[in-house]
Structure formats: structure tokens, C-alpha cells
N, C-alpha and C. Protein backbone atom coordinates (compact mmCIF):
# COMPACT_ATOMS: atom_id res chain seq x y z
N GLN A 1 49.17 278.75 155.82
CA GLN A 1 48.29 277.93 155.00
C GLN A 1 49.14 277.00 154.14
N VAL A 2 48.87 275.73 154.21
CA VAL A 2 49.63 274.75 153.44
C VAL A 2 48.90 274.46 152.14
N GLN A 3 49.65 274.35 151.07
CA GLN A 3 49.12 273.93 149.78
C GLN A 3 49.68 272.55 149.45
N LEU A 4 48.83 271.69 148.91
CA LEU A 4 49.22 270.33 148.57
C LEU A 4 49.01 270.11 147.08
N VAL A 5 49.99 269.50 146.44
CA VAL A 5 49.90 269.21 145.00
C VAL A 5 50.28 267.76 144.77
N GLU A 6 49.34 267.00 144.25
CA GLU A 6 49.59 265.60 143.92
C GLU A 6 50.11 265.48 142.50
N SER A 7 50.90 264.44 142.27
CA SER A 7 51.38 264.13 140.93
C SER A 7 51.67 262.64 140.85
N GLY A 8 51.89 262.15 139.64
CA GLY A 8 52.26 260.77 139.46
C GLY A 8 51.15 259.86 138.95
N GLY A 9 49.96 260.40 138.82
CA GLY A 9 48.87 259.59 138.31
C GLY A 9 49.04 259.32 136.82
N GLY A 10 48.18 258.46 136.31
CA GLY A 10 48.24 258.15 134.89
C GLY A 10 47.45 256.90 134.57
N LEU A 11 47.70 256.38 133.37
CA LEU A 11 47.04 255.17 132.89
C LEU A 11 48.01 254.00 133.00
N VAL A 12 47.56 252.92 133.59
CA VAL A 12 48.41 251.75 133.78
C VAL A 12 47.56 250.50 133.58
N GLN A 13 48.18 249.43 133.14
CA GLN A 13 47.47 248.18 132.99
C GLN A 13 47.32 247.47 134.33
N ALA A 14 46.33 246.64 134.42
CA ALA A 14 46.12 245.85 135.63
C ALA A 14 47.38 245.07 135.96
N GLY A 15 47.72 245.07 137.23
CA GLY A 15 48.94 244.43 137.68
C GLY A 15 50.13 245.35 137.74
N GLY A 16 49.99 246.53 137.18
CA GLY A 16 51.08 247.49 137.15
C GLY A 16 51.20 248.29 138.43
N SER A 17 52.12 249.25 138.39
CA SER A 17 52.42 250.06 139.57
C SER A 17 52.48 251.54 139.21
N LEU A 18 52.19 252.35 140.18
CA LEU A 18 52.36 253.79 140.09
C LEU A 18 52.82 254.31 141.43
N ARG A 19 53.53 255.43 141.40
CA ARG A 19 53.94 256.09 142.63
C ARG A 19 53.43 257.52 142.60
N LEU A 20 52.56 257.81 143.53
CA LEU A 20 52.02 259.16 143.66
C LEU A 20 52.86 259.97 144.64
N SER A 21 52.95 261.25 144.36
CA SER A 21 53.63 262.18 145.27
C SER A 21 52.67 263.28 145.68
N CYS A 22 52.86 263.76 146.88
CA CYS A 22 52.08 264.89 147.40
C CYS A 22 53.09 265.89 147.97
N ALA A 23 53.29 266.96 147.23
CA ALA A 23 54.25 267.97 147.65
C ALA A 23 53.54 269.10 148.38
N ALA A 24 54.04 269.42 149.55
CA ALA A 24 53.45 270.49 150.35
C ALA A 24 54.29 271.75 150.23
N SER A 25 53.61 272.89 150.24
CA SER A 25 54.29 274.18 150.24
C SER A 25 53.53 275.14 151.11
N GLY A 26 54.15 276.24 151.43
CA GLY A 26 53.51 277.24 152.27
C GLY A 26 53.88 277.09 153.73
N ARG A 27 53.95 275.87 154.20
CA ARG A 27 54.42 275.57 155.54
C ARG A 27 54.81 274.09 155.58
N THR A 28 55.61 273.76 156.57
CA THR A 28 56.03 272.37 156.69
C THR A 28 54.87 271.50 157.19
N VAL A 29 54.85 270.27 156.72
CA VAL A 29 53.83 269.32 157.20
C VAL A 29 54.46 268.26 158.08
N ARG A 30 55.72 268.49 158.52
CA ARG A 30 56.42 267.45 159.27
C ARG A 30 55.75 267.15 160.61
N SER A 31 54.91 268.06 161.10
CA SER A 31 54.22 267.84 162.37
C SER A 31 52.82 267.28 162.21
N TYR A 32 52.46 266.97 160.98
CA TYR A 32 51.11 266.47 160.69
C TYR A 32 51.16 265.04 160.19
N ALA A 33 50.27 264.21 160.70
CA ALA A 33 49.99 262.97 159.99
C ALA A 33 49.36 263.36 158.65
N MET A 34 49.57 262.54 157.64
CA MET A 34 49.03 262.85 156.31
C MET A 34 48.22 261.68 155.80
N GLY A 35 47.20 261.99 155.02
CA GLY A 35 46.34 260.94 154.51
C GLY A 35 46.21 260.96 153.00
N TRP A 36 45.96 259.79 152.46
CA TRP A 36 45.61 259.65 151.04
C TRP A 36 44.17 259.14 150.95
N PHE A 37 43.43 259.71 150.03
CA PHE A 37 42.05 259.36 149.81
C PHE A 37 41.83 259.19 148.31
N ARG A 38 40.72 258.58 147.96
CA ARG A 38 40.40 258.46 146.53
C ARG A 38 38.89 258.56 146.34
N GLN A 39 38.54 258.98 145.14
CA GLN A 39 37.13 259.09 144.80
C GLN A 39 36.92 258.59 143.38
N ALA A 40 36.22 257.49 143.27
CA ALA A 40 35.88 256.95 141.96
C ALA A 40 34.63 257.66 141.44
N SER A 41 34.47 257.63 140.16
CA SER A 41 33.33 258.30 139.53
C SER A 41 32.02 257.76 140.08
N GLY A 42 31.17 258.66 140.56
CA GLY A 42 29.88 258.27 141.09
C GLY A 42 29.90 257.73 142.50
N LYS A 43 31.05 257.74 143.14
CA LYS A 43 31.17 257.21 144.49
C LYS A 43 31.67 258.28 145.45
N GLU A 44 31.51 258.01 146.74
CA GLU A 44 32.00 258.93 147.75
C GLU A 44 33.52 258.79 147.92
N ARG A 45 34.11 259.86 148.40
CA ARG A 45 35.54 259.81 148.68
C ARG A 45 35.80 258.83 149.81
N GLU A 46 36.85 258.03 149.67
CA GLU A 46 37.16 257.03 150.68
C GLU A 46 38.62 257.10 151.10
N PHE A 47 38.85 256.71 152.32
CA PHE A 47 40.20 256.67 152.87
C PHE A 47 41.01 255.55 152.21
N VAL A 48 42.29 255.84 151.96
CA VAL A 48 43.19 254.85 151.37
C VAL A 48 44.32 254.49 152.34
N ALA A 49 45.06 255.50 152.79
CA ALA A 49 46.23 255.24 153.63
C ALA A 49 46.60 256.50 154.39
N ALA A 50 47.31 256.33 155.48
CA ALA A 50 47.79 257.46 156.26
C ALA A 50 49.12 257.12 156.89
N ILE A 51 49.86 258.17 157.23
CA ILE A 51 51.16 258.01 157.85
C ILE A 51 51.30 259.07 158.93
N ASN A 52 51.90 258.68 160.05
CA ASN A 52 52.03 259.66 161.12
C ASN A 52 53.16 260.64 160.82
N SER A 53 53.29 261.64 161.66
CA SER A 53 54.20 262.75 161.35
C SER A 53 55.65 262.30 161.20
N GLY A 54 56.07 261.34 162.02
CA GLY A 54 57.45 260.89 161.96
C GLY A 54 57.70 259.82 160.91
N GLY A 55 56.64 259.27 160.37
CA GLY A 55 56.78 258.25 159.34
C GLY A 55 56.86 256.83 159.88
N GLY A 56 56.85 256.68 161.21
CA GLY A 56 57.00 255.35 161.79
C GLY A 56 55.72 254.57 161.93
N GLY A 57 54.59 255.22 161.72
CA GLY A 57 53.31 254.54 161.83
C GLY A 57 52.47 254.75 160.60
N THR A 58 51.87 253.69 160.13
CA THR A 58 51.02 253.78 158.94
C THR A 58 49.71 253.04 159.18
N TYR A 59 48.73 253.35 158.34
CA TYR A 59 47.42 252.73 158.47
C TYR A 59 46.81 252.67 157.08
N TYR A 60 46.17 251.53 156.76
CA TYR A 60 45.66 251.33 155.41
C TYR A 60 44.21 250.86 155.43
N ALA A 61 43.51 251.20 154.38
CA ALA A 61 42.21 250.60 154.16
C ALA A 61 42.42 249.13 153.80
N ASP A 62 41.48 248.30 154.17
CA ASP A 62 41.61 246.86 153.90
C ASP A 62 41.77 246.59 152.40
N SER A 63 41.15 247.42 151.59
CA SER A 63 41.15 247.18 150.15
C SER A 63 42.52 247.36 149.50
N VAL A 64 43.42 248.05 150.19
CA VAL A 64 44.75 248.30 149.61
C VAL A 64 45.88 247.70 150.43
N LYS A 65 45.55 247.14 151.56
CA LYS A 65 46.58 246.58 152.45
C LYS A 65 47.37 245.50 151.73
N GLY A 66 48.69 245.59 151.83
CA GLY A 66 49.55 244.62 151.17
C GLY A 66 49.93 244.99 149.74
N ARG A 67 49.22 245.97 149.18
CA ARG A 67 49.51 246.41 147.80
C ARG A 67 50.04 247.84 147.76
N PHE A 68 49.57 248.68 148.65
CA PHE A 68 49.97 250.08 148.68
C PHE A 68 50.88 250.33 149.88
N THR A 69 51.82 251.26 149.70
CA THR A 69 52.71 251.66 150.77
C THR A 69 52.80 253.18 150.82
N VAL A 70 52.51 253.73 151.98
CA VAL A 70 52.62 255.18 152.17
C VAL A 70 53.94 255.48 152.87
N SER A 71 54.59 256.54 152.45
CA SER A 71 55.86 256.96 153.05
C SER A 71 55.95 258.48 152.97
N ARG A 72 56.97 259.01 153.59
CA ARG A 72 57.14 260.46 153.56
C ARG A 72 58.61 260.81 153.69
N ASP A 73 58.95 261.98 153.17
CA ASP A 73 60.28 262.55 153.32
C ASP A 73 60.07 263.95 153.86
N ASN A 74 60.22 264.12 155.15
CA ASN A 74 59.93 265.41 155.77
C ASN A 74 60.93 266.49 155.35
N ASP A 75 62.12 266.09 154.96
CA ASP A 75 63.08 267.10 154.47
C ASP A 75 62.61 267.69 153.14
N LYS A 76 61.88 266.89 152.37
CA LYS A 76 61.35 267.36 151.10
C LYS A 76 59.90 267.82 151.20
N ASN A 77 59.34 267.71 152.40
CA ASN A 77 57.95 268.13 152.62
C ASN A 77 57.01 267.40 151.66
N THR A 78 57.25 266.11 151.48
CA THR A 78 56.54 265.33 150.47
C THR A 78 56.10 263.99 151.05
N VAL A 79 54.91 263.56 150.66
CA VAL A 79 54.37 262.27 151.04
C VAL A 79 54.16 261.46 149.77
N TYR A 80 54.37 260.16 149.86
CA TYR A 80 54.28 259.29 148.70
C TYR A 80 53.27 258.18 148.91
N LEU A 81 52.76 257.66 147.81
CA LEU A 81 51.91 256.48 147.85
C LEU A 81 52.36 255.55 146.72
N GLN A 82 53.04 254.48 147.10
CA GLN A 82 53.46 253.47 146.13
C GLN A 82 52.32 252.48 145.98
N MET A 83 51.87 252.31 144.75
CA MET A 83 50.72 251.45 144.48
C MET A 83 51.16 250.32 143.56
N ASN A 84 51.07 249.11 144.05
CA ASN A 84 51.45 247.92 143.29
C ASN A 84 50.23 247.03 143.05
N SER A 85 50.37 246.11 142.13
CA SER A 85 49.30 245.16 141.82
C SER A 85 47.97 245.87 141.62
N LEU A 86 47.99 246.90 140.82
CA LEU A 86 46.79 247.71 140.62
C LEU A 86 45.73 246.93 139.84
N SER A 87 44.50 247.21 140.19
CA SER A 87 43.36 246.59 139.52
C SER A 87 42.41 247.68 139.05
N PRO A 88 41.51 247.38 138.12
CA PRO A 88 40.56 248.40 137.65
C PRO A 88 39.75 249.03 138.79
N GLU A 89 39.57 248.29 139.87
CA GLU A 89 38.83 248.83 141.02
C GLU A 89 39.58 249.96 141.71
N ASP A 90 40.84 250.12 141.41
CA ASP A 90 41.64 251.21 142.00
C ASP A 90 41.51 252.50 141.19
N THR A 91 40.81 252.46 140.08
CA THR A 91 40.62 253.64 139.26
C THR A 91 39.86 254.71 140.03
N ALA A 92 40.45 255.88 140.14
CA ALA A 92 39.86 256.97 140.92
C ALA A 92 40.76 258.20 140.82
N VAL A 93 40.24 259.31 141.33
CA VAL A 93 41.08 260.48 141.57
C VAL A 93 41.63 260.35 142.98
N TYR A 94 42.93 260.48 143.11
CA TYR A 94 43.59 260.31 144.40
C TYR A 94 43.97 261.68 144.96
N TYR A 95 43.67 261.86 146.24
CA TYR A 95 43.93 263.12 146.93
C TYR A 95 44.79 262.89 148.16
N CYS A 96 45.64 263.85 148.46
CA CYS A 96 46.29 263.85 149.77
C CYS A 96 45.67 264.97 150.61
N ALA A 97 45.78 264.81 151.91
CA ALA A 97 45.16 265.77 152.80
C ALA A 97 45.94 265.87 154.10
N ALA A 98 45.92 267.06 154.68
CA ALA A 98 46.55 267.31 155.97
C ALA A 98 45.47 267.65 156.99
N PRO A 99 45.44 266.98 158.13
CA PRO A 99 44.43 267.28 159.14
C PRO A 99 44.67 268.64 159.79
N ARG A 100 43.64 269.15 160.45
CA ARG A 100 43.79 270.44 161.12
C ARG A 100 44.65 270.33 162.36
N ARG A 101 44.63 269.19 163.02
CA ARG A 101 45.35 269.02 164.27
C ARG A 101 46.74 268.45 164.03
N LEU A 102 47.67 268.90 164.87
CA LEU A 102 49.04 268.40 164.82
C LEU A 102 49.14 267.03 165.49
N PHE A 103 50.12 266.25 165.03
CA PHE A 103 50.55 265.03 165.70
C PHE A 103 49.42 264.03 165.96
N THR A 104 48.47 263.96 165.05
CA THR A 104 47.48 262.89 165.15
C THR A 104 48.13 261.59 164.67
N THR A 105 47.50 260.47 164.98
CA THR A 105 48.05 259.20 164.54
C THR A 105 47.52 258.86 163.15
N ALA A 106 48.21 257.94 162.50
CA ALA A 106 47.75 257.51 161.18
C ALA A 106 46.36 256.88 161.28
N GLN A 107 46.14 256.10 162.31
CA GLN A 107 44.83 255.45 162.48
C GLN A 107 43.73 256.48 162.71
N ALA A 108 44.06 257.54 163.45
CA ALA A 108 43.07 258.60 163.67
C ALA A 108 42.71 259.28 162.36
N VAL A 109 43.68 259.47 161.48
CA VAL A 109 43.42 260.08 160.19
C VAL A 109 42.42 259.24 159.41
N GLY A 110 42.55 257.93 159.52
CA GLY A 110 41.65 257.05 158.81
C GLY A 110 40.20 257.15 159.27
N ALA A 111 39.99 257.67 160.46
CA ALA A 111 38.64 257.79 161.00
C ALA A 111 38.07 259.20 160.88
N MET A 112 38.84 260.13 160.37
CA MET A 112 38.40 261.52 160.30
C MET A 112 37.43 261.76 159.16
N GLY A 113 36.57 262.74 159.38
CA GLY A 113 35.68 263.19 158.33
C GLY A 113 36.30 264.33 157.55
N PRO A 114 35.72 264.68 156.42
CA PRO A 114 36.29 265.73 155.57
C PRO A 114 36.55 267.05 156.29
N SER A 115 35.71 267.41 157.24
CA SER A 115 35.87 268.69 157.92
C SER A 115 37.05 268.70 158.88
N ASP A 116 37.63 267.54 159.17
CA ASP A 116 38.78 267.45 160.04
C ASP A 116 40.08 267.81 159.34
N PHE A 117 40.01 268.00 158.03
CA PHE A 117 41.21 268.28 157.26
C PHE A 117 41.26 269.75 156.86
N GLY A 118 42.42 270.35 157.04
CA GLY A 118 42.58 271.76 156.73
C GLY A 118 43.08 272.02 155.33
N ALA A 119 43.61 271.00 154.69
CA ALA A 119 44.14 271.19 153.34
C ALA A 119 43.96 269.93 152.53
N TRP A 120 43.56 270.12 151.28
CA TRP A 120 43.42 269.04 150.31
C TRP A 120 44.17 269.43 149.04
N GLY A 121 44.74 268.44 148.38
CA GLY A 121 45.29 268.70 147.06
C GLY A 121 44.19 268.70 146.01
N GLN A 122 44.58 268.96 144.78
CA GLN A 122 43.60 269.05 143.69
C GLN A 122 43.28 267.67 143.12
N GLY A 123 44.09 266.68 143.46
CA GLY A 123 43.84 265.32 143.01
C GLY A 123 44.63 264.97 141.76
N THR A 124 44.91 263.68 141.62
CA THR A 124 45.57 263.16 140.43
C THR A 124 44.83 261.90 139.99
N GLN A 125 44.55 261.81 138.70
CA GLN A 125 43.75 260.71 138.18
C GLN A 125 44.60 259.45 138.00
N VAL A 126 44.08 258.35 138.51
CA VAL A 126 44.69 257.04 138.30
C VAL A 126 43.66 256.18 137.56
N THR A 127 44.06 255.67 136.41
CA THR A 127 43.17 254.82 135.62
C THR A 127 43.88 253.50 135.36
N VAL A 128 43.22 252.41 135.75
CA VAL A 128 43.79 251.09 135.58
C VAL A 128 42.94 250.33 134.57
N SER A 129 43.56 249.93 133.48
CA SER A 129 42.84 249.22 132.43
C SER A 129 42.96 247.71 132.65
N SER A 130 41.92 247.01 132.23
CA SER A 130 41.91 245.55 132.42
C SER A 130 42.53 244.83 131.23
């Protein structure tokens, strides 16, 4: 059973940057594509970004493309989300998740439903002030 813990959230002004981390423990996630999701208050959880197991393939929601970058360090069992040019619309709780299946693609992660994921982190709050 893998456990995921997000960190790096906080309060930032519009135009600023944050780097989120998702540390995995319990088992390695190097064979799993990993996804980042977010949920704003009163809204449904939405896909943000994903990266394949080797780190060579990524996939982004249109709303963050060009501003966010997902990466991973499999030796550290950690996935990252670099967020630049933040706007108040990016305010949300951010979650990382590992799918149940091994070696899925980043694009496939973007199309998965919540039940396709075997592990979720507890989330980290990102608040962007205007």
C-alpha cells in the first residue's frame, strides 16, 4: 500500500510561483504514472497534470499548460508540480494520486475517474491572492 503526502502549498500573490511535492512511502511509485488534481471550494475535483513512470511523458490540462510543469525523481520516490504565473483561479486544494494500474501513460491518467486511482494524498492548500 502506497501512502502519498503533498507539501509546498501556501499563500502567494498573483503572478507568483510555488512548487508542490508529493512524497510516496510504503512502496515505490517508479512503475506508476502519477497525477496531480485540484479541487476548489464548491467545485468538483479536476485534473491538472500527469507524468508517466519514466518521466519522459507529461500531460496537462489546458488551463495550466505553459504555466505548470510536472516532474519526478524516482530515486526519491517523489513527484513535483512547479506552478508559475499563478492566478486566483488556481486557488484550490491540490492532490497527487497514483493509479491502480502500472505503466499507464500520462494522457491516460488525465482521462481516469477517481475509482481508477489506488492512492490519494491528503492535499495541500494553494491560495493565490489578487
